[in-house]
Amino acid sequence: MLPGRLHEGRGNAAPRQMAASAVTADRIRLTGRLLHTLPRPSRCDSVSVMRSLSRGNILLLAGVLGLGGALATLAANMERSPPEPAVEVEGPMPSIDRLALTGGRVTPDRFRGRVTLVNFWASWCGPCRLEQPGLERLSRELEEDGVRFLGINFQDDRAAALAYLDEFDVGYPSVADREGILAHRFGVPYLPATVLVDARGEMRYRLVGAQTETTLRRYLTQLLGERAPTPNA
């Protein structure tokens, strides 16, 4: 199983989340193979591929491919694709020692003893662009609390990635993941994806899809609270 697997020992919801994630991942892989000749979608998940077609074309494609049930369901739910809920994950944060896109080097020392947000993005990913301004604001807001942010640029053109960082005035470092190795190690199914790490260096939550500042702030505040010493300590 990939790093960042669902943690089954934290409540009864974990197995259900595991099943849902597995179904979603299978659907993504399936539609990715079948629809690989379509133009790059504006959203980075399986439903977004469907949205590049009209409802009628989706149903026609469903008939041709013999996948009427699965694709018809996607067509009927084209307007309902909220981000997946956060899932609890476990395991140490994979070690990262790479050159940052804008210069300097990112090493494990940067994150030691710090609550960390790791965001996987690409310049061609529409939802990544939607959430990026909020990520930047949040990184500046929580800088005094010691929260570290790291961007991981997934299979992107370097010039396009640099233009993206300049466009959104991103102040925290990003490293390139052209081979998809880091995405594999973090267990990322598709973009955008955010992994939250506690101050002990343990991965705790994975959130897939564009997230709001409110959602991310809530989880980060929880992890910061866990780091704080108790009054009787």
Protein backbone atom coordinates (compact mmCIF):
# COMPACT_ATOMS: atom_id res chain seq x y z
CA MET A 1 0.00 0.00 0.00
CA LEU A 2 1.21 3.51 -0.77
CA PRO A 3 2.48 5.80 1.97
CA GLY A 4 -0.34 7.96 3.22
CA ARG A 5 -2.76 5.04 3.40
CA LEU A 6 -5.99 5.47 5.27
CA HIS A 7 -5.66 4.93 8.99
CA GLU A 8 -8.22 2.28 9.94
CA GLY A 9 -7.73 2.63 13.65
CA ARG A 10 -9.27 6.08 14.06
CA GLY A 11 -12.99 5.57 14.17
CA ASN A 12 -15.50 3.71 12.05
CA ALA A 13 -15.47 6.26 9.24
CA ALA A 14 -12.02 5.22 7.98
CA PRO A 15 -13.07 1.97 6.23
CA ARG A 16 -15.90 3.80 4.46
CA GLN A 17 -13.48 6.52 3.37
CA MET A 18 -11.11 3.83 2.12
CA ALA A 19 -13.81 2.22 0.02
CA ALA A 20 -14.95 5.55 -1.40
CA SER A 21 -11.40 6.58 -2.23
CA ALA A 22 -10.72 3.26 -3.92
CA VAL A 23 -13.82 3.61 -6.09
CA THR A 24 -12.89 7.19 -6.98
CA ALA A 25 -9.33 6.22 -7.83
CA ASP A 26 -10.51 3.34 -10.03
CA ARG A 27 -12.92 5.64 -11.83
CA ILE A 28 -10.17 8.18 -12.42
CA ARG A 29 -7.83 5.57 -13.82
CA LEU A 30 -10.58 4.14 -15.99
CA THR A 31 -11.71 7.41 -17.51
CA GLY A 32 -8.10 8.53 -17.88
CA ARG A 33 -7.36 5.52 -20.07
CA LEU A 34 -10.53 5.71 -22.12
CA LEU A 35 -10.51 9.46 -22.64
CA HIS A 36 -6.80 10.09 -23.04
CA THR A 37 -7.31 11.65 -26.49
CA LEU A 38 -9.58 14.43 -25.18
CA PRO A 39 -8.25 17.98 -24.69
CA ARG A 40 -6.77 18.72 -21.27
CA PRO A 41 -9.72 19.45 -18.92
CA SER A 42 -10.06 22.64 -16.92
CA ARG A 43 -10.48 20.51 -13.80
CA CYS A 44 -8.07 17.79 -12.82
CA ASP A 45 -10.37 14.90 -11.93
CA SER A 46 -12.50 12.37 -13.77
CA VAL A 47 -15.65 14.48 -13.60
CA SER A 48 -13.86 17.41 -15.21
CA VAL A 49 -13.02 15.26 -18.21
CA MET A 50 -16.72 14.64 -18.59
CA ARG A 51 -17.41 18.37 -18.38
CA SER A 52 -15.38 19.01 -21.50
CA LEU A 53 -18.22 17.25 -23.34
CA SER A 54 -21.90 18.04 -23.57
CA ARG A 55 -24.39 15.88 -21.66
CA GLY A 56 -25.58 14.35 -24.92
CA ASN A 57 -22.05 13.46 -26.02
CA ILE A 58 -21.36 11.85 -22.66
CA LEU A 59 -24.39 9.60 -23.01
CA LEU A 60 -23.40 8.78 -26.60
CA LEU A 61 -19.88 7.91 -25.46
CA ALA A 62 -21.35 5.78 -22.70
CA GLY A 63 -23.28 3.74 -25.23
CA VAL A 64 -20.29 3.31 -27.54
CA LEU A 65 -18.03 2.18 -24.71
CA GLY A 66 -20.59 0.01 -23.02
CA LEU A 67 -20.28 1.97 -19.79
CA GLY A 68 -23.77 3.41 -19.71
CA GLY A 69 -24.22 3.14 -15.94
CA ALA A 70 -20.95 4.72 -14.86
CA LEU A 71 -20.81 7.51 -17.41
CA ALA A 72 -24.51 8.28 -17.22
CA THR A 73 -24.11 8.76 -13.47
CA LEU A 74 -21.26 11.18 -14.10
CA ALA A 75 -23.39 13.06 -16.63
CA ALA A 76 -26.28 13.33 -14.18
CA ASN A 77 -23.97 14.72 -11.50
CA MET A 78 -21.89 17.07 -13.62
CA GLU A 79 -22.75 20.07 -11.47
CA ARG A 80 -22.12 18.38 -8.13
CA SER A 81 -18.40 17.84 -7.53
CA PRO A 82 -17.40 19.29 -4.15
CA PRO A 83 -13.91 18.52 -2.85
CA GLU A 84 -13.61 15.15 -1.20
CA PRO A 85 -13.56 15.26 2.61
CA ALA A 86 -10.22 14.99 4.35
CA VAL A 87 -9.11 11.46 5.06
CA GLU A 88 -6.84 10.48 7.91
CA VAL A 89 -3.51 9.08 6.79
CA GLU A 90 -0.47 7.79 8.62
CA GLY A 91 3.25 7.42 8.19
CA PRO A 92 6.22 9.78 8.31
CA MET A 93 6.41 12.59 5.78
CA PRO A 94 8.58 11.39 2.88
CA SER A 95 12.01 12.99 2.89
CA ILE A 96 12.44 15.84 0.41
CA ASP A 97 15.87 17.12 -0.57
CA ARG A 98 15.56 18.99 -3.86
CA LEU A 99 16.32 22.29 -5.51
CA ALA A 100 13.47 24.79 -5.28
CA LEU A 101 12.09 26.08 -8.57
CA THR A 102 12.97 29.66 -7.67
CA GLY A 103 16.40 28.90 -6.20
CA GLY A 104 17.82 27.51 -2.99
CA ARG A 105 17.40 24.01 -1.67
CA VAL A 106 14.57 22.37 0.24
CA THR A 107 15.79 19.87 2.83
CA PRO A 108 14.17 17.88 5.67
CA ASP A 109 15.56 20.36 8.20
CA ARG A 110 13.08 22.95 6.99
CA PHE A 111 10.15 20.92 8.30
CA ARG A 112 11.62 19.38 11.44
CA GLY A 113 9.40 20.18 14.45
CA ARG A 114 6.98 22.18 12.30
CA VAL A 115 3.38 21.71 11.28
CA THR A 116 3.61 21.46 7.49
CA LEU A 117 1.26 21.84 4.53
CA VAL A 118 2.35 20.11 1.32
CA ASN A 119 0.36 21.11 -1.77
CA PHE A 120 0.59 19.29 -5.11
CA TRP A 121 -0.14 21.58 -8.08
CA ALA A 122 0.48 22.19 -11.77
CA SER A 123 0.17 25.25 -13.98
CA TRP A 124 -2.26 23.36 -16.25
CA CYS A 125 -4.59 22.45 -13.38
CA GLY A 126 -7.64 24.74 -13.19
CA PRO A 127 -8.62 23.97 -9.57
CA CYS A 128 -5.01 24.57 -8.50
CA ARG A 129 -5.34 28.11 -9.78
CA LEU A 130 -8.60 28.54 -7.89
CA GLU A 131 -7.10 27.61 -4.52
CA GLN A 132 -3.64 29.17 -4.93
CA PRO A 133 -4.52 32.73 -3.75
CA GLY A 134 -5.99 31.29 -0.55
CA LEU A 135 -2.93 29.12 0.03
CA GLU A 136 -0.66 32.14 -0.28
CA ARG A 137 -2.75 34.23 2.11
CA LEU A 138 -2.84 31.38 4.61
CA SER A 139 0.91 30.82 4.44
CA ARG A 140 1.52 34.46 5.33
CA GLU A 141 -1.12 34.42 8.06
CA LEU A 142 0.37 31.37 9.78
CA GLU A 143 4.02 32.21 9.22
CA GLU A 144 4.39 33.59 12.76
CA ASP A 145 2.96 30.34 14.12
CA GLY A 146 5.79 28.45 12.45
CA VAL A 147 3.67 26.57 9.90
CA ARG A 148 5.71 25.53 6.88
CA PHE A 149 4.26 25.44 3.37
CA LEU A 150 5.71 23.51 0.45
CA GLY A 151 4.49 23.29 -3.12
CA ILE A 152 5.20 20.24 -5.27
CA ASN A 153 4.88 20.96 -8.98
CA PHE A 154 3.65 17.79 -10.68
CA GLN A 155 4.80 16.85 -14.22
CA ASP A 156 4.89 20.42 -15.47
CA ASP A 157 6.88 22.57 -17.87
CA ARG A 158 9.46 24.54 -15.91
CA ALA A 159 8.78 27.84 -17.65
CA ALA A 160 5.03 27.47 -17.13
CA ALA A 161 5.57 26.58 -13.48
CA LEU A 162 7.75 29.64 -12.90
CA ALA A 163 5.17 31.85 -14.61
CA TYR A 164 2.50 30.41 -12.30
CA LEU A 165 4.55 31.17 -9.19
CA ASP A 166 5.11 34.71 -10.42
CA GLU A 167 1.46 35.22 -11.35
CA PHE A 168 0.25 34.28 -7.86
CA ASP A 169 3.25 35.82 -6.05
CA VAL A 170 3.89 32.57 -4.18
CA GLY A 171 6.28 33.21 -1.32
CA TYR A 172 6.91 29.67 -0.11
CA PRO A 173 9.14 27.21 -1.99
CA SER A 174 8.07 24.68 -4.59
CA VAL A 175 10.02 21.72 -5.94
CA ALA A 176 9.53 19.88 -9.23
CA ASP A 177 8.16 16.34 -9.37
CA ARG A 178 8.48 15.64 -13.09
CA GLU A 179 8.65 11.86 -12.64
CA GLY A 180 5.72 11.70 -10.21
CA ILE A 181 7.89 10.06 -7.55
CA LEU A 182 6.82 12.40 -4.75
CA ALA A 183 3.16 12.12 -5.70
CA HIS A 184 3.51 8.35 -5.41
CA ARG A 185 5.22 8.55 -2.04
CA PHE A 186 2.57 10.89 -0.65
CA GLY A 187 -0.25 8.72 -2.07
CA VAL A 188 -1.72 11.54 -4.19
CA PRO A 189 -4.45 10.33 -6.61
CA TYR A 190 -4.95 13.54 -8.61
CA LEU A 191 -4.61 17.34 -8.43
CA PRO A 192 -4.84 19.50 -6.52
CA ALA A 193 -4.00 17.59 -3.37
CA THR A 194 -2.88 18.77 0.04
CA VAL A 195 -1.20 16.70 2.75
CA LEU A 196 -1.02 18.03 6.30
CA VAL A 197 1.84 16.95 8.55
CA ASP A 198 2.05 17.38 12.32
CA ALA A 199 5.03 18.73 14.26
CA ARG A 200 6.32 15.18 14.85
CA GLY A 201 6.70 14.75 11.09
CA GLU A 202 3.73 12.37 10.80
CA MET A 203 1.28 12.73 7.92
CA ARG A 204 -2.20 13.22 9.32
CA TYR A 205 -4.65 14.34 6.63
CA ARG A 206 -4.94 14.25 2.87
CA LEU A 207 -7.40 16.56 1.10
CA VAL A 208 -8.06 16.20 -2.62
CA GLY A 209 -9.59 18.96 -4.73
CA ALA A 210 -9.46 22.74 -4.36
CA GLN A 211 -9.80 23.61 -0.66
CA THR A 212 -11.01 26.78 1.03
CA GLU A 213 -8.89 28.79 3.43
CA THR A 214 -11.43 28.05 6.17
CA THR A 215 -11.06 24.30 5.77
CA LEU A 216 -7.28 24.33 5.73
CA ARG A 217 -7.07 26.79 8.63
CA ARG A 218 -9.26 24.52 10.75
CA TYR A 219 -7.01 21.48 10.28
CA LEU A 220 -3.80 23.46 10.69
CA THR A 221 -5.09 25.10 13.87
CA GLN A 222 -5.89 21.65 15.24
CA LEU A 223 -2.36 20.44 14.52
CA LEU A 224 -0.86 23.58 16.06
CA GLY A 225 -2.93 22.98 19.19
CA GLU A 226 -1.58 19.47 19.50
CA ARG A 227 1.92 20.84 19.37
CA ALA A 228 1.28 23.33 22.19
CA PRO A 229 2.26 22.11 25.70
CA THR A 230 -0.51 21.47 28.18
CA PRO A 231 -0.82 23.82 31.23
CA ASN A 232 0.26 21.06 33.62
CA ALA A 233 3.24 19.95 31.53
